[in-house]
Amino acid sequence: MSQSLRNRWAAWCLLGLFTVPLTGCMHNGFVPRTTHRQSQYRAQQLWGQNKSMSQSAAQLQQQNDQLRGNLDIANKRIDNLNAERAQMAERFKNTGRSNPLSGDATARFKDLSTRFPGISFDENTGVAKLDSDLLFDSGSDSVAKKGEGLLREIAGILNRGDTKQLRVQIVGHTDDRPIAKAATKTRHPTNWHLSTNRANSVLLELKKSGIDQRRMRSSGAGEFEPIASNKDTNARAKNRRVEIYVLAPDASDVAGAWEQDHSQN
């Protein structure tokens, strides 16, 4: 072997001595420092993302639970509204609230409502609402002179033609103010008394004007069926009223009791 070839072979051996350890380090699980830092940074990123996703999942679950609760409340309210609607529909059906009046009688009631500002008339139901202030002085259940003529006209409508076959129900209402005056309280201890007594007075006035008393019934609702807020004077006045319902002869809410009364007379 020549000297040049021996020198070249020695250089290759030295190079192998340095290369083998480096290669061995890579295979023994060691990685460059830069790669290690990148791995640590990526691991931290993944941990942060996982933590954020866990928090988001908890928030979504909380929102879902809240929405579910709100939905349950909304469904209960809908059920309550449907129940109330069904009750109102049944009440409407049983009370014969569709207008049983003839076209002529309806037109006459509408004419009254235009001539007397204190009257409202619903031509769909045949219900006339009369402001108590139009019929009575404050705290009184005696029909005032200004109300007597009005009730005579109403009696004339209800005693005309086929309308004589219809029944009449009179309901008194008050506002929410309790009876305060001592003199008034002696006769009307509560709003129940005042509303019922006023309904009775209207019934007796209609009887005086010729309506058969067997056709009529009266009741009072006190302050418990307001049609307006009681927060101001004008609105409160609307709640002081007497309602006159004209019912078909077979109205199921009162027909049974009335037929029994008739059979006893």
C-alpha atoms as a PDB file:
ATOM      1  CA  MET A   1       0.000   0.000   0.000  1.00  0.00           C
ATOM      2  CA  SER A   2       1.353   3.378  -0.931  1.00  0.00           C
ATOM      3  CA  GLN A   3       1.889   6.119   1.600  1.00  0.00           C
ATOM      4  CA  SER A   4      -0.837   8.281   0.010  1.00  0.00           C
ATOM      5  CA  LEU A   5      -3.390   5.505   0.247  1.00  0.00           C
ATOM      6  CA  ARG A   6      -2.451   4.825   3.910  1.00  0.00           C
ATOM      7  CA  ASN A   7      -2.933   8.508   4.794  1.00  0.00           C
ATOM      8  CA  ARG A   8      -6.349   8.609   3.106  1.00  0.00           C
ATOM      9  CA  TRP A   9      -7.476   5.482   4.964  1.00  0.00           C
ATOM     10  CA  ALA A  10      -6.431   7.018   8.316  1.00  0.00           C
ATOM     11  CA  ALA A  11      -8.457  10.176   7.581  1.00  0.00           C
ATOM     12  CA  TRP A  12     -11.521   8.058   6.857  1.00  0.00           C
ATOM     13  CA  CYS A  13     -11.152   6.275  10.160  1.00  0.00           C
ATOM     14  CA  LEU A  14     -10.892   9.537  12.114  1.00  0.00           C
ATOM     15  CA  LEU A  15     -13.976  10.896  10.367  1.00  0.00           C
ATOM     16  CA  GLY A  16     -15.855   7.706  11.285  1.00  0.00           C
ATOM     17  CA  LEU A  17     -14.895   8.122  14.918  1.00  0.00           C
ATOM     18  CA  PHE A  18     -16.554  11.565  15.060  1.00  0.00           C
ATOM     19  CA  THR A  19     -19.595  10.647  12.964  1.00  0.00           C
ATOM     20  CA  VAL A  20     -20.618   7.492  14.830  1.00  0.00           C
ATOM     21  CA  PRO A  21     -21.185   9.214  18.211  1.00  0.00           C
ATOM     22  CA  LEU A  22     -23.285  11.964  16.640  1.00  0.00           C
ATOM     23  CA  THR A  23     -25.400   9.448  14.844  1.00  0.00           C
ATOM     24  CA  GLY A  24     -25.722   7.418  18.001  1.00  0.00           C
ATOM     25  CA  CYS A  25     -27.035  10.436  19.919  1.00  0.00           C
ATOM     26  CA  MET A  26     -29.907  10.880  17.495  1.00  0.00           C
ATOM     27  CA  HIS A  27     -30.818   7.219  17.785  1.00  0.00           C
ATOM     28  CA  ASN A  28     -30.594   7.207  21.590  1.00  0.00           C
ATOM     29  CA  GLY A  29     -33.576   9.632  21.871  1.00  0.00           C
ATOM     30  CA  PHE A  30     -31.842  12.972  22.052  1.00  0.00           C
ATOM     31  CA  VAL A  31     -33.135  15.785  19.863  1.00  0.00           C
ATOM     32  CA  PRO A  32     -31.720  19.190  19.123  1.00  0.00           C
ATOM     33  CA  ARG A  33     -32.572  21.901  21.713  1.00  0.00           C
ATOM     34  CA  THR A  34     -34.584  23.946  19.170  1.00  0.00           C
ATOM     35  CA  THR A  35     -36.823  21.003  18.358  1.00  0.00           C
ATOM     36  CA  HIS A  36     -37.331  20.310  22.072  1.00  0.00           C
ATOM     37  CA  ARG A  37     -38.407  23.900  22.751  1.00  0.00           C
ATOM     38  CA  GLN A  38     -40.820  23.800  19.826  1.00  0.00           C
ATOM     39  CA  SER A  39     -42.362  20.627  21.218  1.00  0.00           C
ATOM     40  CA  GLN A  40     -42.792  22.202  24.655  1.00  0.00           C
ATOM     41  CA  TYR A  41     -44.406  25.304  23.145  1.00  0.00           C
ATOM     42  CA  ARG A  42     -46.782  23.164  21.091  1.00  0.00           C
ATOM     43  CA  ALA A  43     -47.683  21.124  24.168  1.00  0.00           C
ATOM     44  CA  GLN A  44     -48.517  24.329  26.053  1.00  0.00           C
ATOM     45  CA  GLN A  45     -50.647  25.506  23.123  1.00  0.00           C
ATOM     46  CA  LEU A  46     -52.570  22.227  23.089  1.00  0.00           C
ATOM     47  CA  TRP A  47     -53.090  22.370  26.875  1.00  0.00           C
ATOM     48  CA  GLY A  48     -54.407  25.949  26.611  1.00  0.00           C
ATOM     49  CA  GLN A  49     -56.727  25.029  23.763  1.00  0.00           C
ATOM     50  CA  ASN A  50     -58.034  22.033  25.688  1.00  0.00           C
ATOM     51  CA  LYS A  51     -58.648  24.181  28.776  1.00  0.00           C
ATOM     52  CA  SER A  52     -60.459  26.817  26.677  1.00  0.00           C
ATOM     53  CA  MET A  53     -62.605  24.140  25.038  1.00  0.00           C
ATOM     54  CA  SER A  54     -63.495  22.708  28.457  1.00  0.00           C
ATOM     55  CA  GLN A  55     -64.554  26.147  29.705  1.00  0.00           C
ATOM     56  CA  SER A  56     -66.569  26.756  26.537  1.00  0.00           C
ATOM     57  CA  ALA A  57     -68.262  23.381  26.930  1.00  0.00           C
ATOM     58  CA  ALA A  58     -69.205  24.244  30.537  1.00  0.00           C
ATOM     59  CA  GLN A  59     -70.579  27.624  29.456  1.00  0.00           C
ATOM     60  CA  LEU A  60     -72.584  26.012  26.652  1.00  0.00           C
ATOM     61  CA  GLN A  61     -73.997  23.471  29.097  1.00  0.00           C
ATOM     62  CA  GLN A  62     -74.958  26.262  31.485  1.00  0.00           C
ATOM     63  CA  GLN A  63     -76.620  28.217  28.658  1.00  0.00           C
ATOM     64  CA  ASN A  64     -78.381  25.067  27.508  1.00  0.00           C
ATOM     65  CA  ASP A  65     -79.708  24.421  31.026  1.00  0.00           C
ATOM     66  CA  GLN A  66     -80.906  28.030  31.257  1.00  0.00           C
ATOM     67  CA  LEU A  67     -82.610  27.833  27.858  1.00  0.00           C
ATOM     68  CA  ARG A  68     -84.230  24.551  28.849  1.00  0.00           C
ATOM     69  CA  GLY A  69     -85.552  26.177  32.024  1.00  0.00           C
ATOM     70  CA  ASN A  70     -86.858  29.173  30.073  1.00  0.00           C
ATOM     71  CA  LEU A  71     -88.517  26.808  27.609  1.00  0.00           C
ATOM     72  CA  ASP A  72     -90.214  24.926  30.434  1.00  0.00           C
ATOM     73  CA  ILE A  73     -91.511  28.209  31.876  1.00  0.00           C
ATOM     74  CA  ALA A  74     -92.721  29.336  28.437  1.00  0.00           C
ATOM     75  CA  ASN A  75     -94.484  26.004  27.877  1.00  0.00           C
ATOM     76  CA  LYS A  76     -96.210  26.283  31.253  1.00  0.00           C
ATOM     77  CA  ARG A  77     -97.367  29.795  30.396  1.00  0.00           C
ATOM     78  CA  ILE A  78     -98.673  28.577  27.060  1.00  0.00           C
ATOM     79  CA  ASP A  79    -100.517  25.758  28.821  1.00  0.00           C
ATOM     80  CA  ASN A  80    -102.027  28.248  31.273  1.00  0.00           C
ATOM     81  CA  LEU A  81    -103.071  30.574  28.445  1.00  0.00           C
ATOM     82  CA  ASN A  82    -104.616  27.687  26.528  1.00  0.00           C
ATOM     83  CA  ALA A  83    -106.487  26.605  29.653  1.00  0.00           C
ATOM     84  CA  GLU A  84    -107.755  30.145  30.221  1.00  0.00           C
ATOM     85  CA  ARG A  85    -108.757  30.413  26.566  1.00  0.00           C
ATOM     86  CA  ALA A  86    -110.655  27.144  26.814  1.00  0.00           C
ATOM     87  CA  GLN A  87    -112.423  28.341  29.944  1.00  0.00           C
ATOM     88  CA  MET A  88    -113.334  31.629  28.285  1.00  0.00           C
ATOM     89  CA  ALA A  89    -114.594  29.805  25.202  1.00  0.00           C
ATOM     90  CA  GLU A  90    -116.684  27.497  27.364  1.00  0.00           C
ATOM     91  CA  ARG A  91    -118.001  30.432  29.340  1.00  0.00           C
ATOM     92  CA  PHE A  92    -118.823  32.291  26.144  1.00  0.00           C
ATOM     93  CA  LYS A  93    -120.652  29.255  24.774  1.00  0.00           C
ATOM     94  CA  ASN A  94    -122.554  28.586  27.981  1.00  0.00           C
ATOM     95  CA  THR A  95    -123.627  32.139  28.582  1.00  0.00           C
ATOM     96  CA  GLY A  96    -125.139  32.608  25.134  1.00  0.00           C
ATOM     97  CA  ARG A  97    -123.011  35.683  24.526  1.00  0.00           C
ATOM     98  CA  SER A  98    -123.604  35.745  20.794  1.00  0.00           C
ATOM     99  CA  ASN A  99    -126.057  38.541  20.069  1.00  0.00           C
ATOM    100  CA  PRO A 100    -129.620  37.149  20.220  1.00  0.00           C
ATOM    101  CA  LEU A 101    -131.204  40.537  19.468  1.00  0.00           C
ATOM    102  CA  SER A 102    -133.055  41.213  16.252  1.00  0.00           C
ATOM    103  CA  GLY A 103    -131.642  43.686  13.771  1.00  0.00           C
ATOM    104  CA  ASP A 104    -134.212  46.262  14.884  1.00  0.00           C
ATOM    105  CA  ALA A 105    -133.348  45.870  18.584  1.00  0.00           C
ATOM    106  CA  THR A 106    -129.629  46.025  17.801  1.00  0.00           C
ATOM    107  CA  ALA A 107    -130.120  49.241  15.839  1.00  0.00           C
ATOM    108  CA  ARG A 108    -132.090  50.757  18.737  1.00  0.00           C
ATOM    109  CA  PHE A 109    -129.349  49.924  21.243  1.00  0.00           C
ATOM    110  CA  LYS A 110    -126.756  51.428  18.909  1.00  0.00           C
ATOM    111  CA  ASP A 111    -128.881  54.572  18.695  1.00  0.00           C
ATOM    112  CA  LEU A 112    -128.972  54.766  22.494  1.00  0.00           C
ATOM    113  CA  SER A 113    -125.188  54.508  22.649  1.00  0.00           C
ATOM    114  CA  THR A 114    -124.843  57.504  20.320  1.00  0.00           C
ATOM    115  CA  ARG A 115    -127.328  59.622  22.286  1.00  0.00           C
ATOM    116  CA  PHE A 116    -126.001  58.760  25.739  1.00  0.00           C
ATOM    117  CA  PRO A 117    -122.203  59.094  26.143  1.00  0.00           C
ATOM    118  CA  GLY A 118    -122.298  56.840  29.208  1.00  0.00           C
ATOM    119  CA  ILE A 119    -123.493  53.794  27.246  1.00  0.00           C
ATOM    120  CA  SER A 120    -121.444  51.350  25.211  1.00  0.00           C
ATOM    121  CA  PHE A 121    -123.075  48.579  23.192  1.00  0.00           C
ATOM    122  CA  ASP A 122    -121.418  45.548  21.612  1.00  0.00           C
ATOM    123  CA  GLU A 123    -123.461  44.502  18.612  1.00  0.00           C
ATOM    124  CA  ASN A 124    -121.564  41.193  18.412  1.00  0.00           C
ATOM    125  CA  THR A 125    -122.637  40.038  21.873  1.00  0.00           C
ATOM    126  CA  GLY A 126    -125.695  42.179  22.581  1.00  0.00           C
ATOM    127  CA  VAL A 127    -124.165  43.449  25.841  1.00  0.00           C
ATOM    128  CA  ALA A 128    -124.890  47.008  26.940  1.00  0.00           C
ATOM    129  CA  LYS A 129    -122.615  48.662  29.509  1.00  0.00           C
ATOM    130  CA  LEU A 130    -124.046  51.618  31.399  1.00  0.00           C
ATOM    131  CA  ASP A 131    -121.780  53.853  33.463  1.00  0.00           C
ATOM    132  CA  SER A 132    -122.919  53.827  37.076  1.00  0.00           C
ATOM    133  CA  ASP A 133    -122.359  57.589  37.187  1.00  0.00           C
ATOM    134  CA  LEU A 134    -125.071  57.843  34.542  1.00  0.00           C
ATOM    135  CA  LEU A 135    -127.567  55.982  36.732  1.00  0.00           C
ATOM    136  CA  PHE A 136    -126.582  56.664  40.344  1.00  0.00           C
ATOM    137  CA  ASP A 137    -125.244  59.370  42.576  1.00  0.00           C
ATOM    138  CA  SER A 138    -121.990  58.596  44.359  1.00  0.00           C
ATOM    139  CA  GLY A 139    -122.393  55.787  46.917  1.00  0.00           C
ATOM    140  CA  SER A 140    -126.104  55.408  46.168  1.00  0.00           C
ATOM    141  CA  ASP A 141    -128.095  52.486  44.803  1.00  0.00           C
ATOM    142  CA  SER A 142    -131.193  54.562  44.038  1.00  0.00           C
ATOM    143  CA  VAL A 143    -131.622  55.203  40.317  1.00  0.00           C
ATOM    144  CA  ALA A 144    -131.276  58.935  39.690  1.00  0.00           C
ATOM    145  CA  LYS A 145    -133.853  60.855  37.674  1.00  0.00           C
ATOM    146  CA  LYS A 146    -131.428  61.147  34.784  1.00  0.00           C
ATOM    147  CA  GLY A 147    -131.230  57.349  34.654  1.00  0.00           C
ATOM    148  CA  GLU A 148    -134.920  56.577  34.858  1.00  0.00           C
ATOM    149  CA  GLY A 149    -135.687  57.797  31.330  1.00  0.00           C
ATOM    150  CA  LEU A 150    -132.759  55.803  29.937  1.00  0.00           C
ATOM    151  CA  LEU A 151    -133.920  52.578  31.595  1.00  0.00           C
ATOM    152  CA  ARG A 152    -137.467  53.167  30.269  1.00  0.00           C
ATOM    153  CA  GLU A 153    -136.051  53.297  26.759  1.00  0.00           C
ATOM    154  CA  ILE A 154    -134.091  50.112  27.348  1.00  0.00           C
ATOM    155  CA  ALA A 155    -137.215  48.428  28.695  1.00  0.00           C
ATOM    156  CA  GLY A 156    -139.061  49.520  25.561  1.00  0.00           C
ATOM    157  CA  ILE A 157    -136.445  47.802  23.372  1.00  0.00           C
ATOM    158  CA  LEU A 158    -136.463  44.624  25.469  1.00  0.00           C
ATOM    159  CA  ASN A 159    -140.283  44.445  25.433  1.00  0.00           C
ATOM    160  CA  ARG A 160    -140.643  44.807  21.668  1.00  0.00           C
ATOM    161  CA  GLY A 161    -141.490  41.945  19.276  1.00  0.00           C
ATOM    162  CA  ASP A 162    -139.445  38.777  19.551  1.00  0.00           C
ATOM    163  CA  THR A 163    -137.121  40.422  22.076  1.00  0.00           C
ATOM    164  CA  LYS A 164    -139.815  39.722  24.722  1.00  0.00           C
ATOM    165  CA  GLN A 165    -138.753  36.065  24.561  1.00  0.00           C
ATOM    166  CA  LEU A 166    -135.180  36.839  25.647  1.00  0.00           C
ATOM    167  CA  ARG A 167    -133.847  36.732  29.165  1.00  0.00           C
ATOM    168  CA  VAL A 168    -132.064  39.638  30.801  1.00  0.00           C
ATOM    169  CA  GLN A 169    -129.151  39.415  33.222  1.00  0.00           C
ATOM    170  CA  ILE A 170    -127.994  42.540  35.066  1.00  0.00           C
ATOM    171  CA  VAL A 171    -124.530  42.680  36.660  1.00  0.00           C
ATOM    172  CA  GLY A 172    -123.272  45.508  38.847  1.00  0.00           C
ATOM    173  CA  HIS A 173    -119.595  46.517  39.092  1.00  0.00           C
ATOM    174  CA  THR A 174    -117.604  49.000  41.195  1.00  0.00           C
ATOM    175  CA  ASP A 175    -114.096  50.430  41.157  1.00  0.00           C
ATOM    176  CA  ASP A 176    -111.489  49.272  43.683  1.00  0.00           C
ATOM    177  CA  ARG A 177    -111.968  52.003  46.267  1.00  0.00           C
ATOM    178  CA  PRO A 178    -113.428  50.628  49.532  1.00  0.00           C
ATOM    179  CA  ILE A 179    -116.596  52.107  50.993  1.00  0.00           C
ATOM    180  CA  ALA A 180    -115.435  55.011  53.164  1.00  0.00           C
ATOM    181  CA  LYS A 181    -118.398  57.170  54.165  1.00  0.00           C
ATOM    182  CA  ALA A 182    -120.111  56.008  57.348  1.00  0.00           C
ATOM    183  CA  ALA A 183    -123.591  56.751  55.977  1.00  0.00           C
ATOM    184  CA  THR A 184    -122.882  54.739  52.814  1.00  0.00           C
ATOM    185  CA  LYS A 185    -121.273  51.911  54.761  1.00  0.00           C
ATOM    186  CA  THR A 186    -124.425  51.418  56.778  1.00  0.00           C
ATOM    187  CA  ARG A 187    -126.318  50.346  53.662  1.00  0.00           C
ATOM    188  CA  HIS A 188    -123.389  49.021  51.583  1.00  0.00           C
ATOM    189  CA  PRO A 189    -120.707  47.563  53.892  1.00  0.00           C
ATOM    190  CA  THR A 190    -118.584  46.438  50.917  1.00  0.00           C
ATOM    191  CA  ASN A 191    -118.320  46.884  47.171  1.00  0.00           C
ATOM    192  CA  TRP A 192    -120.037  43.519  46.842  1.00  0.00           C
ATOM    193  CA  HIS A 193    -123.107  44.996  48.506  1.00  0.00           C
ATOM    194  CA  LEU A 194    -122.999  48.171  46.449  1.00  0.00           C
ATOM    195  CA  SER A 195    -122.619  46.360  43.105  1.00  0.00           C
ATOM    196  CA  THR A 196    -125.381  43.861  43.910  1.00  0.00           C
ATOM    197  CA  ASN A 197    -127.747  46.506  45.264  1.00  0.00           C
ATOM    198  CA  ARG A 198    -127.292  48.648  42.163  1.00  0.00           C
ATOM    199  CA  ALA A 199    -128.015  45.665  39.908  1.00  0.00           C
ATOM    200  CA  ASN A 200    -131.171  44.996  41.912  1.00  0.00           C
ATOM    201  CA  SER A 201    -132.243  48.626  41.558  1.00  0.00           C
ATOM    202  CA  VAL A 202    -131.857  48.489  37.772  1.00  0.00           C
ATOM    203  CA  LEU A 203    -133.839  45.233  37.691  1.00  0.00           C
ATOM    204  CA  LEU A 204    -136.663  46.785  39.701  1.00  0.00           C
ATOM    205  CA  GLU A 205    -136.653  49.879  37.487  1.00  0.00           C
ATOM    206  CA  LEU A 206    -136.948  47.698  34.370  1.00  0.00           C
ATOM    207  CA  LYS A 207    -139.763  45.781  36.044  1.00  0.00           C
ATOM    208  CA  LYS A 208    -141.507  49.075  36.761  1.00  0.00           C
ATOM    209  CA  SER A 209    -141.214  49.855  33.046  1.00  0.00           C
ATOM    210  CA  GLY A 210    -143.036  46.660  32.094  1.00  0.00           C
ATOM    211  CA  ILE A 211    -140.476  43.863  31.791  1.00  0.00           C
ATOM    212  CA  ASP A 212    -141.679  40.566  33.240  1.00  0.00           C
ATOM    213  CA  GLN A 213    -139.582  39.941  36.362  1.00  0.00           C
ATOM    214  CA  ARG A 214    -139.385  36.229  35.509  1.00  0.00           C
ATOM    215  CA  ARG A 215    -137.172  37.147  32.567  1.00  0.00           C
ATOM    216  CA  MET A 216    -134.591  38.880  34.729  1.00  0.00           C
ATOM    217  CA  ARG A 217    -131.760  38.032  37.111  1.00  0.00           C
ATOM    218  CA  SER A 218    -129.240  40.287  38.859  1.00  0.00           C
ATOM    219  CA  SER A 219    -125.827  39.850  40.451  1.00  0.00           C
ATOM    220  CA  GLY A 220    -122.832  41.857  41.613  1.00  0.00           C
ATOM    221  CA  ALA A 221    -119.124  41.440  40.869  1.00  0.00           C
ATOM    222  CA  GLY A 222    -117.762  44.114  43.193  1.00  0.00           C
ATOM    223  CA  GLU A 223    -114.418  45.475  41.987  1.00  0.00           C
ATOM    224  CA  PHE A 224    -113.154  42.132  40.690  1.00  0.00           C
ATOM    225  CA  GLU A 225    -113.929  42.434  36.975  1.00  0.00           C
ATOM    226  CA  PRO A 226    -112.393  45.787  35.960  1.00  0.00           C
ATOM    227  CA  ILE A 227    -112.328  46.803  32.309  1.00  0.00           C
ATOM    228  CA  ALA A 228    -109.779  49.587  32.859  1.00  0.00           C
ATOM    229  CA  SER A 229    -106.953  50.434  35.219  1.00  0.00           C
ATOM    230  CA  ASN A 230    -107.925  51.911  38.577  1.00  0.00           C
ATOM    231  CA  LYS A 231    -104.835  54.139  38.626  1.00  0.00           C
ATOM    232  CA  ASP A 232    -106.473  57.371  37.490  1.00  0.00           C
ATOM    233  CA  THR A 233    -109.873  58.994  37.849  1.00  0.00           C
ATOM    234  CA  ASN A 234    -111.055  58.668  34.238  1.00  0.00           C
ATOM    235  CA  ALA A 235    -110.137  55.006  33.963  1.00  0.00           C
ATOM    236  CA  ARG A 236    -111.583  54.206  37.380  1.00  0.00           C
ATOM    237  CA  ALA A 237    -114.950  55.657  36.347  1.00  0.00           C
ATOM    238  CA  LYS A 238    -115.230  53.056  33.568  1.00  0.00           C
ATOM    239  CA  ASN A 239    -115.164  50.282  36.138  1.00  0.00           C
ATOM    240  CA  ARG A 240    -118.222  51.689  37.917  1.00  0.00           C
ATOM    241  CA  ARG A 241    -120.854  50.265  35.609  1.00  0.00           C
ATOM    242  CA  VAL A 242    -123.973  48.157  35.222  1.00  0.00           C
ATOM    243  CA  GLU A 243    -123.958  45.588  32.434  1.00  0.00           C
ATOM    244  CA  ILE A 244    -127.154  44.346  30.822  1.00  0.00           C
ATOM    245  CA  TYR A 245    -126.823  40.968  29.112  1.00  0.00           C
ATOM    246  CA  VAL A 246    -129.553  39.845  26.764  1.00  0.00           C
ATOM    247  CA  LEU A 247    -129.550  36.047  26.720  1.00  0.00           C
ATOM    248  CA  ALA A 248    -131.151  33.497  24.458  1.00  0.00           C
ATOM    249  CA  PRO A 249    -134.031  31.532  26.041  1.00  0.00           C
ATOM    250  CA  ASP A 250    -131.913  28.358  26.215  1.00  0.00           C
ATOM    251  CA  ALA A 251    -128.796  29.973  27.728  1.00  0.00           C
ATOM    252  CA  SER A 252    -127.352  27.081  29.766  1.00  0.00           C
ATOM    253  CA  ASP A 253    -125.906  29.113  32.634  1.00  0.00           C
ATOM    254  CA  VAL A 254    -129.260  30.361  33.846  1.00  0.00           C
ATOM    255  CA  ALA A 255    -131.942  28.421  31.980  1.00  0.00           C
ATOM    256  CA  GLY A 256    -132.069  25.505  34.424  1.00  0.00           C
ATOM    257  CA  ALA A 257    -132.467  27.682  37.488  1.00  0.00           C
ATOM    258  CA  TRP A 258    -134.987  29.945  35.787  1.00  0.00           C
ATOM    259  CA  GLU A 259    -137.087  27.044  34.553  1.00  0.00           C
ATOM    260  CA  GLN A 260    -137.161  25.714  38.102  1.00  0.00           C
ATOM    261  CA  ASP A 261    -138.294  29.119  39.384  1.00  0.00           C
ATOM    262  CA  HIS A 262    -141.006  29.280  36.711  1.00  0.00           C
ATOM    263  CA  SER A 263    -142.327  25.842  37.628  1.00  0.00           C
ATOM    264  CA  GLN A 264    -142.700  26.948  41.238  1.00  0.00           C
ATOM    265  CA  ASN A 265    -144.674  30.097  40.361  1.00  0.00           C
END
